[in-house]
């Protein structure tokens, strides 16, 4: 996600509050928001993939992906 895309998200949010958005702007805003969310989730997943837990004996182990219902 680039700085320009984030600036555009913020500009659309300000415009939505002030005067409302056209249908094209609403669609653009939805696409940009989805891209932002995907970026944040991807960054978090990358960070968690590189996280290591150390137990009291000093053993290091990576976090495992959690399955539904766990």
PDB file of N, CA and C in Angstrom:
ATOM      1  N   UNK A   1       0.849  -1.165   0.000  1.00  0.00           N
ATOM      2  CA  UNK A   1       0.000   0.000   0.000  1.00  0.00           C
ATOM      3  C   UNK A   1       0.896   1.229   0.000  1.00  0.00           C
ATOM      4  N   UNK A   2       0.690   2.087  -0.978  1.00  0.00           N
ATOM      5  CA  UNK A   2       1.534   3.281  -1.101  1.00  0.00           C
ATOM      6  C   UNK A   2       0.961   4.440  -0.294  1.00  0.00           C
ATOM      7  N   UNK A   3       1.795   5.419  -0.074  1.00  0.00           N
ATOM      8  CA  UNK A   3       1.374   6.633   0.635  1.00  0.00           C
ATOM      9  C   UNK A   3       0.252   7.323  -0.130  1.00  0.00           C
ATOM     10  N   UNK A   4       0.336   7.325  -1.452  1.00  0.00           N
ATOM     11  CA  UNK A   4      -0.689   7.966  -2.273  1.00  0.00           C
ATOM     12  C   UNK A   4      -2.049   7.281  -2.106  1.00  0.00           C
ATOM     13  N   UNK A   5      -2.031   5.947  -2.011  1.00  0.00           N
ATOM     14  CA  UNK A   5      -3.284   5.218  -1.819  1.00  0.00           C
ATOM     15  C   UNK A   5      -3.890   5.529  -0.454  1.00  0.00           C
ATOM     16  N   UNK A   6      -3.065   5.596   0.566  1.00  0.00           N
ATOM     17  CA  UNK A   6      -3.562   5.932   1.908  1.00  0.00           C
ATOM     18  C   UNK A   6      -4.102   7.354   1.927  1.00  0.00           C
ATOM     19  N   UNK A   7      -3.392   8.267   1.270  1.00  0.00           N
ATOM     20  CA  UNK A   7      -3.875   9.649   1.187  1.00  0.00           C
ATOM     21  C   UNK A   7      -5.225   9.717   0.474  1.00  0.00           C
ATOM     22  N   UNK A   8      -5.392   8.899  -0.566  1.00  0.00           N
ATOM     23  CA  UNK A   8      -6.660   8.881  -1.307  1.00  0.00           C
ATOM     24  C   UNK A   8      -7.785   8.329  -0.436  1.00  0.00           C
ATOM     25  N   UNK A   9      -7.502   7.293   0.354  1.00  0.00           N
ATOM     26  CA  UNK A   9      -8.503   6.750   1.284  1.00  0.00           C
ATOM     27  C   UNK A   9      -8.954   7.845   2.243  1.00  0.00           C
ATOM     28  N   UNK A  10      -7.992   8.583   2.786  1.00  0.00           N
ATOM     29  CA  UNK A  10      -8.312   9.651   3.734  1.00  0.00           C
ATOM     30  C   UNK A  10      -9.090  10.782   3.072  1.00  0.00           C
ATOM     31  N   UNK A  11      -8.730  11.130   1.837  1.00  0.00           N
ATOM     32  CA  UNK A  11      -9.438  12.188   1.122  1.00  0.00           C
ATOM     33  C   UNK A  11     -10.891  11.779   0.861  1.00  0.00           C
ATOM     34  N   UNK A  12     -11.094  10.534   0.464  1.00  0.00           N
ATOM     35  CA  UNK A  12     -12.458  10.054   0.231  1.00  0.00           C
ATOM     36  C   UNK A  12     -13.255  10.020   1.527  1.00  0.00           C
ATOM     37  N   UNK A  13     -12.634   9.658   2.633  1.00  0.00           N
ATOM     38  CA  UNK A  13     -13.325   9.638   3.924  1.00  0.00           C
ATOM     39  C   UNK A  13     -13.749  11.048   4.327  1.00  0.00           C
ATOM     40  N   UNK A  14     -12.860  12.011   4.130  1.00  0.00           N
ATOM     41  CA  UNK A  14     -13.203  13.406   4.453  1.00  0.00           C
ATOM     42  C   UNK A  14     -14.346  13.899   3.574  1.00  0.00           C
ATOM     43  N   UNK A  15     -14.273  13.576   2.282  1.00  0.00           N
ATOM     44  CA  UNK A  15     -15.320  14.010   1.363  1.00  0.00           C
ATOM     45  C   UNK A  15     -16.647  13.349   1.702  1.00  0.00           C
ATOM     46  N   UNK A  16     -16.617  12.077   2.097  1.00  0.00           N
ATOM     47  CA  UNK A  16     -17.845  11.368   2.457  1.00  0.00           C
ATOM     48  C   UNK A  16     -18.535  12.041   3.634  1.00  0.00           C
ATOM     49  N   UNK A  17     -17.753  12.494   4.602  1.00  0.00           N
ATOM     50  CA  UNK A  17     -18.316  13.177   5.768  1.00  0.00           C
ATOM     51  C   UNK A  17     -18.868  14.550   5.387  1.00  0.00           C
ATOM     52  N   UNK A  18     -18.134  15.265   4.537  1.00  0.00           N
ATOM     53  CA  UNK A  18     -18.485  16.642   4.220  1.00  0.00           C
ATOM     54  C   UNK A  18     -19.664  16.749   3.251  1.00  0.00           C
ATOM     55  N   UNK A  19     -19.608  16.010   2.155  1.00  0.00           N
ATOM     56  CA  UNK A  19     -20.620  16.220   1.118  1.00  0.00           C
ATOM     57  C   UNK A  19     -21.163  14.941   0.495  1.00  0.00           C
ATOM     58  N   UNK A  20     -20.582  13.813   0.819  1.00  0.00           N
ATOM     59  CA  UNK A  20     -21.034  12.560   0.226  1.00  0.00           C
ATOM     60  C   UNK A  20     -20.199  12.179  -0.984  1.00  0.00           C
ATOM     61  N   UNK A  21     -20.332  10.927  -1.384  1.00  0.00           N
ATOM     62  CA  UNK A  21     -19.543  10.405  -2.494  1.00  0.00           C
ATOM     63  C   UNK A  21     -20.451   9.980  -3.640  1.00  0.00           C
ATOM     64  N   UNK A  22     -19.902  10.041  -4.855  1.00  0.00           N
ATOM     65  CA  UNK A  22     -20.609   9.501  -6.014  1.00  0.00           C
ATOM     66  C   UNK A  22     -20.482   7.975  -5.966  1.00  0.00           C
ATOM     67  N   UNK A  23     -21.241   7.303  -6.799  1.00  0.00           N
ATOM     68  CA  UNK A  23     -21.158   5.840  -6.844  1.00  0.00           C
ATOM     69  C   UNK A  23     -19.760   5.378  -7.240  1.00  0.00           C
ATOM     70  N   UNK A  24     -19.138   6.070  -8.186  1.00  0.00           N
ATOM     71  CA  UNK A  24     -17.776   5.707  -8.619  1.00  0.00           C
ATOM     72  C   UNK A  24     -16.789   5.880  -7.476  1.00  0.00           C
ATOM     73  N   UNK A  25     -16.948   6.944  -6.703  1.00  0.00           N
ATOM     74  CA  UNK A  25     -16.056   7.183  -5.563  1.00  0.00           C
ATOM     75  C   UNK A  25     -16.282   6.140  -4.467  1.00  0.00           C
ATOM     76  N   UNK A  26     -17.535   5.735  -4.269  1.00  0.00           N
ATOM     77  CA  UNK A  26     -17.827   4.698  -3.271  1.00  0.00           C
ATOM     78  C   UNK A  26     -17.160   3.383  -3.668  1.00  0.00           C
ATOM     79  N   UNK A  27     -17.205   3.057  -4.953  1.00  0.00           N
ATOM     80  CA  UNK A  27     -16.556   1.835  -5.424  1.00  0.00           C
ATOM     81  C   UNK A  27     -15.041   1.921  -5.256  1.00  0.00           C
ATOM     82  N   UNK A  28     -14.473   3.085  -5.596  1.00  0.00           N
ATOM     83  CA  UNK A  28     -13.029   3.289  -5.436  1.00  0.00           C
ATOM     84  C   UNK A  28     -12.639   3.158  -3.963  1.00  0.00           C
ATOM     85  N   UNK A  29     -13.447   3.729  -3.091  1.00  0.00           N
ATOM     86  CA  UNK A  29     -13.177   3.673  -1.659  1.00  0.00           C
ATOM     87  C   UNK A  29     -13.214   2.224  -1.167  1.00  0.00           C
ATOM     88  N   UNK A  30     -14.180   1.451  -1.632  1.00  0.00           N
ATOM     89  CA  UNK A  30     -14.290   0.050  -1.218  1.00  0.00           C
ATOM     90  C   UNK A  30     -13.067  -0.744  -1.678  1.00  0.00           C
ATOM     91  N   UNK A  31     -12.622  -0.514  -2.898  1.00  0.00           N
ATOM     92  CA  UNK A  31     -11.444  -1.214  -3.425  1.00  0.00           C
ATOM     93  C   UNK A  31     -10.205  -0.839  -2.623  1.00  0.00           C
ATOM     94  N   UNK A  32     -10.039   0.450  -2.342  1.00  0.00           N
ATOM     95  CA  UNK A  32      -8.872   0.905  -1.580  1.00  0.00           C
ATOM     96  C   UNK A  32      -8.898   0.365  -0.150  1.00  0.00           C
ATOM     97  N   UNK A  33     -10.056   0.356   0.463  1.00  0.00           N
ATOM     98  CA  UNK A  33     -10.161  -0.180   1.828  1.00  0.00           C
ATOM     99  C   UNK A  33      -9.825  -1.658   1.872  1.00  0.00           C
ATOM    100  N   UNK A  34     -10.311  -2.421   0.886  1.00  0.00           N
ATOM    101  CA  UNK A  34     -10.013  -3.862   0.832  1.00  0.00           C
ATOM    102  C   UNK A  34      -8.510  -4.073   0.665  1.00  0.00           C
ATOM    103  N   UNK A  35      -7.878  -3.270  -0.194  1.00  0.00           N
ATOM    104  CA  UNK A  35      -6.432  -3.388  -0.398  1.00  0.00           C
ATOM    105  C   UNK A  35      -5.685  -3.055   0.889  1.00  0.00           C
ATOM    106  N   UNK A  36      -6.156  -2.054   1.625  1.00  0.00           N
ATOM    107  CA  UNK A  36      -5.522  -1.678   2.892  1.00  0.00           C
ATOM    108  C   UNK A  36      -5.640  -2.810   3.910  1.00  0.00           C
ATOM    109  N   UNK A  37      -6.830  -3.367   4.042  1.00  0.00           N
ATOM    110  CA  UNK A  37      -7.045  -4.468   4.982  1.00  0.00           C
ATOM    111  C   UNK A  37      -6.177  -5.665   4.617  1.00  0.00           C
ATOM    112  N   UNK A  38      -6.142  -6.005   3.333  1.00  0.00           N
ATOM    113  CA  UNK A  38      -5.307  -7.123   2.884  1.00  0.00           C
ATOM    114  C   UNK A  38      -3.833  -6.874   3.196  1.00  0.00           C
ATOM    115  N   UNK A  39      -3.401  -5.633   3.046  1.00  0.00           N
ATOM    116  CA  UNK A  39      -2.021  -5.273   3.347  1.00  0.00           C
ATOM    117  C   UNK A  39      -1.712  -5.445   4.832  1.00  0.00           C
ATOM    118  N   UNK A  40      -2.603  -4.973   5.689  1.00  0.00           N
ATOM    119  CA  UNK A  40      -2.408  -5.085   7.139  1.00  0.00           C
ATOM    120  C   UNK A  40      -2.393  -6.553   7.561  1.00  0.00           C
ATOM    121  N   UNK A  41      -3.332  -7.337   7.045  1.00  0.00           N
ATOM    122  CA  UNK A  41      -3.395  -8.756   7.390  1.00  0.00           C
ATOM    123  C   UNK A  41      -2.134  -9.476   6.914  1.00  0.00           C
ATOM    124  N   UNK A  42      -1.683  -9.158   5.704  1.00  0.00           N
ATOM    125  CA  UNK A  42      -0.465  -9.774   5.179  1.00  0.00           C
ATOM    126  C   UNK A  42       0.752  -9.433   6.017  1.00  0.00           C
ATOM    127  N   UNK A  43       0.856  -8.168   6.426  1.00  0.00           N
ATOM    128  CA  UNK A  43       1.979  -7.761   7.276  1.00  0.00           C
ATOM    129  C   UNK A  43       1.938  -8.471   8.624  1.00  0.00           C
ATOM    130  N   UNK A  44       0.758  -8.575   9.214  1.00  0.00           N
ATOM    131  CA  UNK A  44       0.622  -9.252  10.499  1.00  0.00           C
ATOM    132  C   UNK A  44       0.966 -10.732  10.374  1.00  0.00           C
ATOM    133  N   UNK A  45       0.486 -11.371   9.312  1.00  0.00           N
ATOM    134  CA  UNK A  45       0.787 -12.788   9.096  1.00  0.00           C
ATOM    135  C   UNK A  45       2.292 -12.992   8.928  1.00  0.00           C
ATOM    136  N   UNK A  46       2.931 -12.106   8.181  1.00  0.00           N
ATOM    137  CA  UNK A  46       4.379 -12.197   8.012  1.00  0.00           C
ATOM    138  C   UNK A  46       5.114 -12.049   9.337  1.00  0.00           C
ATOM    139  N   UNK A  47       4.654 -11.137  10.159  1.00  0.00           N
ATOM    140  CA  UNK A  47       5.278 -10.930  11.461  1.00  0.00           C
ATOM    141  C   UNK A  47       5.087 -12.154  12.358  1.00  0.00           C
ATOM    142  N   UNK A  48       3.889 -12.700  12.353  1.00  0.00           N
ATOM    143  CA  UNK A  48       3.623 -13.875  13.184  1.00  0.00           C
ATOM    144  C   UNK A  48       4.368 -15.106  12.679  1.00  0.00           C
ATOM    145  N   UNK A  49       4.553 -15.212  11.367  1.00  0.00           N
ATOM    146  CA  UNK A  49       5.302 -16.335  10.795  1.00  0.00           C
ATOM    147  C   UNK A  49       6.754 -16.330  11.263  1.00  0.00           C
ATOM    148  N   UNK A  50       7.250 -15.162  11.639  1.00  0.00           N
ATOM    149  CA  UNK A  50       8.637 -15.046  12.089  1.00  0.00           C
ATOM    150  C   UNK A  50       8.764 -14.896  13.599  1.00  0.00           C
ATOM    151  N   UNK A  51       7.689 -15.173  14.323  1.00  0.00           N
ATOM    152  CA  UNK A  51       7.696 -15.091  15.775  1.00  0.00           C
ATOM    153  C   UNK A  51       8.090 -16.448  16.361  1.00  0.00           C
ATOM    154  N   UNK A  52       8.950 -16.405  17.366  1.00  0.00           N
ATOM    155  CA  UNK A  52       9.441 -17.619  18.009  1.00  0.00           C
ATOM    156  C   UNK A  52       9.087 -17.557  19.488  1.00  0.00           C
ATOM    157  N   UNK A  53       8.574 -18.661  20.013  1.00  0.00           N
ATOM    158  CA  UNK A  53       8.289 -18.771  21.447  1.00  0.00           C
ATOM    159  C   UNK A  53       9.457 -19.484  22.115  1.00  0.00           C
ATOM    160  N   UNK A  54       9.848 -19.009  23.292  1.00  0.00           N
ATOM    161  CA  UNK A  54      10.928 -19.637  24.055  1.00  0.00           C
ATOM    162  C   UNK A  54      10.330 -20.104  25.376  1.00  0.00           C
ATOM    163  N   UNK A  55      10.433 -21.413  25.643  1.00  0.00           N
ATOM    164  CA  UNK A  55       9.886 -21.931  26.894  1.00  0.00           C
ATOM    165  C   UNK A  55      10.882 -21.728  28.026  1.00  0.00           C
ATOM    166  N   UNK A  56      10.517 -22.178  29.241  1.00  0.00           N
ATOM    167  CA  UNK A  56      11.354 -21.955  30.427  1.00  0.00           C
ATOM    168  C   UNK A  56      12.696 -22.678  30.350  1.00  0.00           C
ATOM    169  N   UNK A  57      12.812 -23.695  29.510  1.00  0.00           N
ATOM    170  CA  UNK A  57      14.079 -24.417  29.354  1.00  0.00           C
ATOM    171  C   UNK A  57      14.944 -23.844  28.235  1.00  0.00           C
ATOM    172  N   UNK A  58      14.444 -22.814  27.588  1.00  0.00           N
ATOM    173  CA  UNK A  58      15.216 -22.184  26.521  1.00  0.00           C
ATOM    174  C   UNK A  58      14.988 -22.757  25.137  1.00  0.00           C
ATOM    175  N   UNK A  59      14.050 -23.692  25.021  1.00  0.00           N
ATOM    176  CA  UNK A  59      13.730 -24.264  23.716  1.00  0.00           C
ATOM    177  C   UNK A  59      12.945 -23.253  22.899  1.00  0.00           C
ATOM    178  N   UNK A  60      13.365 -23.101  21.657  1.00  0.00           N
ATOM    179  CA  UNK A  60      12.696 -22.162  20.761  1.00  0.00           C
ATOM    180  C   UNK A  60      11.818 -22.942  19.788  1.00  0.00           C
ATOM    181  N   UNK A  61      10.602 -22.411  19.566  1.00  0.00           N
ATOM    182  CA  UNK A  61       9.735 -23.034  18.568  1.00  0.00           C
ATOM    183  C   UNK A  61       8.902 -21.942  17.898  1.00  0.00           C
ATOM    184  N   UNK A  62       8.641 -22.194  16.646  1.00  0.00           N
ATOM    185  CA  UNK A  62       7.822 -21.248  15.864  1.00  0.00           C
ATOM    186  C   UNK A  62       6.356 -21.413  16.224  1.00  0.00           C
ATOM    187  N   UNK A  63       5.603 -20.344  16.013  1.00  0.00           N
ATOM    188  CA  UNK A  63       4.162 -20.420  16.171  1.00  0.00           C
ATOM    189  C   UNK A  63       3.597 -21.294  15.063  1.00  0.00           C
ATOM    190  N   UNK A  64       2.583 -22.062  15.368  1.00  0.00           N
ATOM    191  CA  UNK A  64       1.932 -22.892  14.373  1.00  0.00           C
ATOM    192  C   UNK A  64       0.612 -22.244  13.994  1.00  0.00           C
ATOM    193  N   UNK A  65       0.195 -22.484  12.755  1.00  0.00           N
ATOM    194  CA  UNK A  65      -1.092 -21.959  12.323  1.00  0.00           C
ATOM    195  C   UNK A  65      -2.183 -22.661  13.087  1.00  0.00           C
ATOM    196  N   UNK A  66      -3.090 -21.884  13.592  1.00  0.00           N
ATOM    197  CA  UNK A  66      -4.170 -22.425  14.413  1.00  0.00           C
ATOM    198  C   UNK A  66      -5.315 -22.883  13.514  1.00  0.00           C
ATOM    199  N   UNK A  67      -5.835 -24.071  13.779  1.00  0.00           N
ATOM    200  CA  UNK A  67      -6.956 -24.587  13.013  1.00  0.00           C
ATOM    201  C   UNK A  67      -8.249 -24.139  13.654  1.00  0.00           C
ATOM    202  N   UNK A  68      -9.314 -24.056  12.848  1.00  0.00           N
ATOM    203  CA  UNK A  68     -10.626 -23.698  13.359  1.00  0.00           C
ATOM    204  C   UNK A  68     -11.037 -24.664  14.469  1.00  0.00           C
ATOM    205  N   UNK A  69     -11.596 -24.137  15.547  1.00  0.00           N
ATOM    206  CA  UNK A  69     -12.053 -24.976  16.642  1.00  0.00           C
ATOM    207  C   UNK A  69     -11.017 -25.192  17.723  1.00  0.00           C
ATOM    208  N   UNK A  70      -9.764 -24.761  17.510  1.00  0.00           N
ATOM    209  CA  UNK A  70      -8.711 -24.922  18.536  1.00  0.00           C
ATOM    210  C   UNK A  70      -8.807 -23.832  19.562  1.00  0.00           C
TER     211      UNK A  70
END
